[in-house]
Amino acid sequence: MIDCEQCPDSSCCKDVTVEIDEPDTVEDWDEIRWMVSHKNVSVYKDNEDDWVVEFKTPCAKLDDTGKCTVYDKRPDICRGHALDTCVYNGEGDTHVLRFETVEDVEKYIKENVLEDMRKEAQKDLDEIEKWNLG
């Protein structure tokens, strides 16, 4: 297992990730399309089934060699980054789905989401028809 001193590229210090709710509406999917329309932004579902938006932007406190210049005073979130969650210490991919472009999102929707949304919408319409709105 490697530690931060042995890290070849400061990988975990080159992005910001924020957990988001699992998309389940048209609005949610449209928001993901919007997110990945921006440079250096991707959305993924990790291997623990969490949905995450990732902003690829290196920490301003890295020096030219990729070492932290404020290591002793680094933020708690950096201190809490466990070695067993390091991409270099894990096994397999860190994500099961990854969207980097609008096209990635739209392809996934077409192949995996659209039919379920149609069925759900039809159920709602069938339920409304039972109301006999005349």
N, C-alpha and C. Protein backbone atom coordinates (compact mmCIF):
# COMPACT_ATOMS: atom_id res chain seq x y z
N MET A 1 0.85 -1.18 0.00
CA MET A 1 0.00 0.00 0.00
C MET A 1 0.90 1.24 0.00
N ILE A 2 0.60 2.17 -0.91
CA ILE A 2 1.41 3.39 -0.95
C ILE A 2 0.80 4.45 -0.03
N ASP A 3 1.63 5.37 0.40
CA ASP A 3 1.12 6.51 1.18
C ASP A 3 1.31 7.78 0.34
N CYS A 4 0.91 8.91 0.88
CA CYS A 4 0.95 10.17 0.12
C CYS A 4 2.36 10.52 -0.35
N GLU A 5 3.36 10.19 0.44
CA GLU A 5 4.74 10.50 0.07
C GLU A 5 5.18 9.71 -1.17
N GLN A 6 4.57 8.56 -1.41
CA GLN A 6 4.94 7.71 -2.54
C GLN A 6 4.04 7.94 -3.76
N CYS A 7 3.05 8.79 -3.64
CA CYS A 7 2.09 9.00 -4.71
C CYS A 7 2.79 9.52 -5.97
N PRO A 8 2.54 8.88 -7.11
CA PRO A 8 3.23 9.29 -8.33
C PRO A 8 2.71 10.57 -8.97
N ASP A 9 1.47 10.96 -8.66
CA ASP A 9 0.93 12.13 -9.39
C ASP A 9 -0.06 13.00 -8.61
N SER A 10 -0.13 12.84 -7.31
CA SER A 10 -1.05 13.66 -6.48
C SER A 10 -2.49 13.57 -6.99
N SER A 11 -2.89 12.41 -7.41
CA SER A 11 -4.18 12.21 -8.07
C SER A 11 -5.36 12.77 -7.27
N CYS A 12 -5.41 12.48 -5.98
CA CYS A 12 -6.57 12.92 -5.19
C CYS A 12 -6.55 14.43 -4.91
N CYS A 13 -5.46 15.09 -5.24
CA CYS A 13 -5.36 16.54 -5.03
C CYS A 13 -5.62 17.32 -6.33
N LYS A 14 -6.14 16.63 -7.32
CA LYS A 14 -6.33 17.27 -8.62
C LYS A 14 -7.78 17.33 -9.05
N ASP A 15 -8.68 17.09 -8.09
CA ASP A 15 -10.09 17.24 -8.40
C ASP A 15 -10.88 17.52 -7.12
N VAL A 16 -12.08 18.00 -7.31
CA VAL A 16 -13.03 18.21 -6.23
C VAL A 16 -14.25 17.37 -6.58
N THR A 17 -14.72 16.57 -5.64
CA THR A 17 -15.90 15.76 -5.90
C THR A 17 -16.99 16.09 -4.89
N VAL A 18 -18.23 16.08 -5.38
CA VAL A 18 -19.39 16.37 -4.54
C VAL A 18 -20.45 15.32 -4.83
N GLU A 19 -20.93 14.69 -3.78
CA GLU A 19 -21.97 13.68 -3.95
C GLU A 19 -23.29 14.35 -4.33
N ILE A 20 -24.03 13.71 -5.25
CA ILE A 20 -25.33 14.21 -5.67
C ILE A 20 -26.35 13.09 -5.52
N ASP A 21 -27.63 13.45 -5.57
CA ASP A 21 -28.68 12.45 -5.52
C ASP A 21 -28.70 11.64 -6.81
N GLU A 22 -29.10 10.39 -6.70
CA GLU A 22 -29.25 9.56 -7.89
C GLU A 22 -30.31 10.17 -8.80
N PRO A 23 -30.02 10.33 -10.07
CA PRO A 23 -31.00 10.94 -10.97
C PRO A 23 -32.20 10.01 -11.19
N ASP A 24 -33.42 10.58 -11.08
CA ASP A 24 -34.60 9.76 -11.34
C ASP A 24 -35.71 10.52 -12.03
N THR A 25 -35.42 11.74 -12.43
CA THR A 25 -36.41 12.54 -13.17
C THR A 25 -35.76 13.11 -14.42
N VAL A 26 -36.59 13.58 -15.32
CA VAL A 26 -36.09 14.25 -16.52
C VAL A 26 -35.23 15.44 -16.13
N GLU A 27 -35.67 16.17 -15.11
CA GLU A 27 -34.92 17.35 -14.66
C GLU A 27 -33.54 16.96 -14.14
N ASP A 28 -33.47 15.85 -13.39
CA ASP A 28 -32.17 15.38 -12.88
C ASP A 28 -31.21 15.06 -14.03
N TRP A 29 -31.71 14.33 -15.02
CA TRP A 29 -30.86 13.97 -16.16
C TRP A 29 -30.46 15.19 -16.96
N ASP A 30 -31.36 16.15 -17.08
CA ASP A 30 -31.02 17.38 -17.80
C ASP A 30 -29.94 18.16 -17.04
N GLU A 31 -30.01 18.13 -15.72
CA GLU A 31 -28.98 18.80 -14.92
C GLU A 31 -27.61 18.13 -15.12
N ILE A 32 -27.59 16.82 -15.22
CA ILE A 32 -26.33 16.12 -15.49
C ILE A 32 -25.82 16.49 -16.88
N ARG A 33 -26.72 16.57 -17.86
CA ARG A 33 -26.31 17.01 -19.20
C ARG A 33 -25.66 18.39 -19.12
N TRP A 34 -26.26 19.28 -18.34
CA TRP A 34 -25.73 20.63 -18.16
C TRP A 34 -24.35 20.59 -17.49
N MET A 35 -24.23 19.79 -16.43
CA MET A 35 -22.95 19.72 -15.71
C MET A 35 -21.82 19.31 -16.64
N VAL A 36 -22.03 18.23 -17.40
CA VAL A 36 -20.94 17.72 -18.24
C VAL A 36 -20.72 18.56 -19.49
N SER A 37 -21.56 19.57 -19.69
CA SER A 37 -21.33 20.52 -20.79
C SER A 37 -20.17 21.46 -20.46
N HIS A 38 -19.77 21.49 -19.22
CA HIS A 38 -18.68 22.35 -18.78
C HIS A 38 -17.34 21.63 -18.87
N LYS A 39 -16.31 22.41 -19.13
CA LYS A 39 -14.96 21.85 -19.22
C LYS A 39 -14.55 21.26 -17.88
N ASN A 40 -13.88 20.13 -17.94
CA ASN A 40 -13.29 19.49 -16.77
C ASN A 40 -14.29 19.07 -15.70
N VAL A 41 -15.53 18.82 -16.12
CA VAL A 41 -16.56 18.35 -15.19
C VAL A 41 -17.10 17.02 -15.70
N SER A 42 -17.18 16.06 -14.81
CA SER A 42 -17.79 14.77 -15.16
C SER A 42 -18.69 14.33 -14.01
N VAL A 43 -19.54 13.38 -14.31
CA VAL A 43 -20.43 12.80 -13.30
C VAL A 43 -20.24 11.30 -13.37
N TYR A 44 -20.17 10.68 -12.20
CA TYR A 44 -20.04 9.22 -12.21
C TYR A 44 -20.80 8.60 -11.04
N LYS A 45 -21.07 7.32 -11.20
CA LYS A 45 -21.62 6.49 -10.13
C LYS A 45 -20.47 5.62 -9.67
N ASP A 46 -20.10 5.73 -8.40
CA ASP A 46 -18.93 5.00 -7.93
C ASP A 46 -19.27 3.55 -7.60
N ASN A 47 -18.26 2.80 -7.21
CA ASN A 47 -18.46 1.38 -6.95
C ASN A 47 -19.17 1.11 -5.63
N GLU A 48 -19.59 2.18 -4.94
CA GLU A 48 -20.43 2.05 -3.75
C GLU A 48 -21.84 2.56 -4.03
N ASP A 49 -22.16 2.78 -5.31
CA ASP A 49 -23.46 3.26 -5.79
C ASP A 49 -23.77 4.70 -5.42
N ASP A 50 -22.76 5.48 -5.07
CA ASP A 50 -22.95 6.91 -4.84
C ASP A 50 -22.78 7.64 -6.17
N TRP A 51 -23.59 8.67 -6.39
CA TRP A 51 -23.49 9.51 -7.58
C TRP A 51 -22.67 10.73 -7.22
N VAL A 52 -21.72 11.09 -8.08
CA VAL A 52 -20.73 12.12 -7.77
C VAL A 52 -20.51 13.02 -8.97
N VAL A 53 -20.43 14.33 -8.71
CA VAL A 53 -19.97 15.26 -9.75
C VAL A 53 -18.51 15.57 -9.43
N GLU A 54 -17.68 15.52 -10.46
CA GLU A 54 -16.24 15.70 -10.29
C GLU A 54 -15.78 16.91 -11.09
N PHE A 55 -15.06 17.79 -10.42
CA PHE A 55 -14.48 18.98 -11.05
C PHE A 55 -12.98 18.76 -11.11
N LYS A 56 -12.44 18.57 -12.31
CA LYS A 56 -11.00 18.34 -12.48
C LYS A 56 -10.29 19.69 -12.40
N THR A 57 -9.72 19.96 -11.25
CA THR A 57 -9.00 21.20 -11.03
C THR A 57 -7.99 20.97 -9.91
N PRO A 58 -6.72 21.15 -10.17
CA PRO A 58 -5.71 20.84 -9.16
C PRO A 58 -5.73 21.84 -8.00
N CYS A 59 -5.37 21.33 -6.84
CA CYS A 59 -5.25 22.18 -5.66
C CYS A 59 -4.18 23.24 -5.91
N ALA A 60 -4.49 24.45 -5.53
CA ALA A 60 -3.55 25.56 -5.71
C ALA A 60 -2.36 25.46 -4.75
N LYS A 61 -2.42 24.55 -3.80
CA LYS A 61 -1.35 24.42 -2.81
C LYS A 61 -0.34 23.32 -3.16
N LEU A 62 -0.44 22.77 -4.36
CA LEU A 62 0.57 21.80 -4.81
C LEU A 62 1.76 22.54 -5.40
N ASP A 63 2.96 22.05 -5.11
CA ASP A 63 4.14 22.66 -5.74
C ASP A 63 4.38 22.02 -7.11
N ASP A 64 5.46 22.41 -7.75
CA ASP A 64 5.76 21.92 -9.10
C ASP A 64 6.00 20.41 -9.15
N THR A 65 6.32 19.81 -8.01
CA THR A 65 6.55 18.36 -7.98
C THR A 65 5.29 17.60 -7.56
N GLY A 66 4.21 18.33 -7.28
CA GLY A 66 2.96 17.69 -6.88
C GLY A 66 2.83 17.47 -5.39
N LYS A 67 3.73 18.03 -4.62
CA LYS A 67 3.67 17.88 -3.16
C LYS A 67 2.89 19.04 -2.55
N CYS A 68 2.23 18.76 -1.44
CA CYS A 68 1.42 19.76 -0.74
C CYS A 68 2.32 20.75 0.00
N THR A 69 2.11 22.03 -0.24
CA THR A 69 2.92 23.06 0.41
C THR A 69 2.37 23.46 1.77
N VAL A 70 1.18 22.97 2.11
CA VAL A 70 0.57 23.29 3.42
C VAL A 70 0.22 22.00 4.16
N TYR A 71 1.03 20.96 3.96
CA TYR A 71 0.70 19.63 4.48
C TYR A 71 0.38 19.66 5.98
N ASP A 72 1.18 20.36 6.77
CA ASP A 72 0.95 20.40 8.22
C ASP A 72 -0.32 21.17 8.59
N LYS A 73 -0.78 22.05 7.71
CA LYS A 73 -1.98 22.85 7.98
C LYS A 73 -3.11 22.52 7.00
N ARG A 74 -3.02 21.39 6.30
CA ARG A 74 -4.00 21.04 5.27
C ARG A 74 -5.41 20.91 5.88
N PRO A 75 -6.42 21.11 5.07
CA PRO A 75 -7.81 21.00 5.55
C PRO A 75 -8.12 19.59 6.07
N ASP A 76 -9.10 19.52 6.95
CA ASP A 76 -9.50 18.24 7.53
C ASP A 76 -9.92 17.22 6.47
N ILE A 77 -10.56 17.68 5.41
CA ILE A 77 -10.98 16.74 4.37
C ILE A 77 -9.77 16.05 3.74
N CYS A 78 -8.66 16.77 3.65
CA CYS A 78 -7.42 16.16 3.14
C CYS A 78 -6.86 15.17 4.16
N ARG A 79 -6.89 15.56 5.42
CA ARG A 79 -6.38 14.67 6.48
C ARG A 79 -7.19 13.38 6.55
N GLY A 80 -8.47 13.50 6.28
CA GLY A 80 -9.35 12.35 6.39
C GLY A 80 -9.34 11.42 5.19
N HIS A 81 -8.60 11.78 4.16
CA HIS A 81 -8.54 10.93 2.96
C HIS A 81 -7.74 9.68 3.30
N ALA A 82 -8.44 8.58 3.48
CA ALA A 82 -7.81 7.34 3.94
C ALA A 82 -7.00 6.68 2.83
N LEU A 83 -5.91 6.06 3.22
CA LEU A 83 -5.05 5.38 2.24
C LEU A 83 -5.78 4.25 1.53
N ASP A 84 -6.73 3.61 2.22
CA ASP A 84 -7.43 2.49 1.57
C ASP A 84 -8.44 2.96 0.53
N THR A 85 -8.73 4.27 0.48
CA THR A 85 -9.60 4.80 -0.57
C THR A 85 -8.81 5.42 -1.72
N CYS A 86 -7.51 5.44 -1.59
CA CYS A 86 -6.64 5.96 -2.65
C CYS A 86 -6.81 5.12 -3.91
N VAL A 87 -6.91 5.79 -5.05
CA VAL A 87 -7.09 5.06 -6.32
C VAL A 87 -5.94 4.09 -6.59
N TYR A 88 -4.79 4.35 -6.02
CA TYR A 88 -3.64 3.47 -6.24
C TYR A 88 -3.65 2.26 -5.30
N ASN A 89 -4.43 2.32 -4.23
CA ASN A 89 -4.50 1.21 -3.29
C ASN A 89 -5.76 0.36 -3.46
N GLY A 90 -6.70 0.84 -4.24
CA GLY A 90 -7.94 0.10 -4.44
C GLY A 90 -7.80 -0.97 -5.50
N GLU A 91 -8.87 -1.73 -5.64
CA GLU A 91 -8.90 -2.78 -6.66
C GLU A 91 -9.97 -2.43 -7.67
N GLY A 92 -9.65 -2.51 -8.93
CA GLY A 92 -10.63 -2.26 -9.97
C GLY A 92 -10.94 -0.78 -10.14
N ASP A 93 -11.96 -0.52 -10.95
CA ASP A 93 -12.36 0.85 -11.22
C ASP A 93 -13.01 1.48 -10.00
N THR A 94 -12.87 2.79 -9.90
CA THR A 94 -13.51 3.52 -8.80
C THR A 94 -14.95 3.88 -9.15
N HIS A 95 -15.34 3.65 -10.39
CA HIS A 95 -16.70 4.00 -10.82
C HIS A 95 -17.27 2.88 -11.69
N VAL A 96 -18.61 2.80 -11.68
CA VAL A 96 -19.28 1.82 -12.53
C VAL A 96 -19.92 2.49 -13.74
N LEU A 97 -20.17 3.78 -13.64
CA LEU A 97 -20.67 4.60 -14.74
C LEU A 97 -19.91 5.90 -14.73
N ARG A 98 -19.64 6.45 -15.91
CA ARG A 98 -18.95 7.74 -15.98
C ARG A 98 -19.44 8.49 -17.20
N PHE A 99 -19.82 9.76 -16.97
CA PHE A 99 -20.28 10.63 -18.04
C PHE A 99 -19.35 11.83 -18.12
N GLU A 100 -18.74 12.01 -19.29
CA GLU A 100 -17.84 13.14 -19.49
C GLU A 100 -18.37 14.10 -20.54
N THR A 101 -19.36 13.67 -21.31
CA THR A 101 -19.93 14.51 -22.36
C THR A 101 -21.45 14.37 -22.35
N VAL A 102 -22.11 15.33 -22.98
CA VAL A 102 -23.56 15.26 -23.14
C VAL A 102 -23.92 13.98 -23.90
N GLU A 103 -23.12 13.64 -24.88
CA GLU A 103 -23.38 12.44 -25.67
C GLU A 103 -23.33 11.17 -24.81
N ASP A 104 -22.41 11.13 -23.85
CA ASP A 104 -22.34 9.99 -22.92
C ASP A 104 -23.66 9.85 -22.16
N VAL A 105 -24.16 10.97 -21.67
CA VAL A 105 -25.41 10.97 -20.89
C VAL A 105 -26.57 10.54 -21.76
N GLU A 106 -26.68 11.13 -22.94
CA GLU A 106 -27.81 10.84 -23.82
C GLU A 106 -27.79 9.38 -24.29
N LYS A 107 -26.62 8.84 -24.54
CA LYS A 107 -26.52 7.43 -24.94
C LYS A 107 -27.01 6.54 -23.80
N TYR A 108 -26.60 6.85 -22.58
CA TYR A 108 -27.02 6.06 -21.43
C TYR A 108 -28.53 6.14 -21.23
N ILE A 109 -29.08 7.35 -21.35
CA ILE A 109 -30.52 7.52 -21.20
C ILE A 109 -31.25 6.68 -22.25
N LYS A 110 -30.81 6.77 -23.48
CA LYS A 110 -31.46 6.04 -24.57
C LYS A 110 -31.41 4.53 -24.32
N GLU A 111 -30.28 4.04 -23.85
CA GLU A 111 -30.09 2.60 -23.69
C GLU A 111 -30.60 2.04 -22.37
N ASN A 112 -30.74 2.88 -21.33
CA ASN A 112 -31.02 2.36 -19.99
C ASN A 112 -32.15 3.02 -19.22
N VAL A 113 -32.54 4.22 -19.60
CA VAL A 113 -33.48 4.98 -18.78
C VAL A 113 -34.80 5.24 -19.49
N LEU A 114 -34.75 5.52 -20.76
CA LEU A 114 -35.91 5.99 -21.51
C LEU A 114 -37.11 5.05 -21.41
N GLU A 115 -36.90 3.77 -21.60
CA GLU A 115 -38.02 2.82 -21.57
C GLU A 115 -38.68 2.78 -20.19
N ASP A 116 -37.88 2.80 -19.14
CA ASP A 116 -38.44 2.82 -17.78
C ASP A 116 -39.25 4.09 -17.54
N MET A 117 -38.75 5.23 -18.04
CA MET A 117 -39.49 6.49 -17.89
C MET A 117 -40.82 6.43 -18.65
N ARG A 118 -40.80 5.83 -19.83
CA ARG A 118 -42.05 5.69 -20.61
C ARG A 118 -43.06 4.84 -19.85
N LYS A 119 -42.61 3.73 -19.30
CA LYS A 119 -43.50 2.84 -18.55
C LYS A 119 -44.08 3.56 -17.34
N GLU A 120 -43.25 4.30 -16.64
CA GLU A 120 -43.71 5.04 -15.45
C GLU A 120 -44.72 6.11 -15.84
N ALA A 121 -44.45 6.82 -16.92
CA ALA A 121 -45.39 7.85 -17.40
C ALA A 121 -46.71 7.22 -17.81
N GLN A 122 -46.66 6.07 -18.46
CA GLN A 122 -47.89 5.39 -18.87
C GLN A 122 -48.70 4.94 -17.66
N LYS A 123 -48.03 4.47 -16.62
CA LYS A 123 -48.73 4.09 -15.39
C LYS A 123 -49.47 5.28 -14.81
N ASP A 124 -48.82 6.44 -14.80
CA ASP A 124 -49.46 7.65 -14.29
C ASP A 124 -50.67 8.02 -15.12
N LEU A 125 -50.53 7.95 -16.45
CA LEU A 125 -51.66 8.26 -17.33
C LEU A 125 -52.81 7.28 -17.13
N ASP A 126 -52.50 6.00 -16.99
CA ASP A 126 -53.53 4.99 -16.75
C ASP A 126 -54.26 5.27 -15.45
N GLU A 127 -53.53 5.68 -14.44
CA GLU A 127 -54.15 6.00 -13.14
C GLU A 127 -55.08 7.19 -13.25
N ILE A 128 -54.67 8.22 -13.98
CA ILE A 128 -55.51 9.41 -14.17
C ILE A 128 -56.77 9.04 -14.93
N GLU A 129 -56.66 8.17 -15.91
CA GLU A 129 -57.84 7.78 -16.68
C GLU A 129 -58.88 7.08 -15.81
N LYS A 130 -58.46 6.42 -14.75
CA LYS A 130 -59.39 5.77 -13.82
C LYS A 130 -60.26 6.80 -13.09
N TRP A 131 -59.81 8.04 -13.07
CA TRP A 131 -60.56 9.09 -12.38
C TRP A 131 -61.83 9.46 -13.14
N ASN A 132 -61.90 9.04 -14.41
CA ASN A 132 -63.08 9.33 -15.24
C ASN A 132 -63.37 10.83 -15.25
N LEU A 133 -62.41 11.59 -15.73
CA LEU A 133 -62.51 13.05 -15.72
C LEU A 133 -63.54 13.57 -16.72
N GLY A 134 -63.96 12.73 -17.64
CA GLY A 134 -64.99 13.06 -18.62
C GLY A 134 -64.77 14.28 -19.35
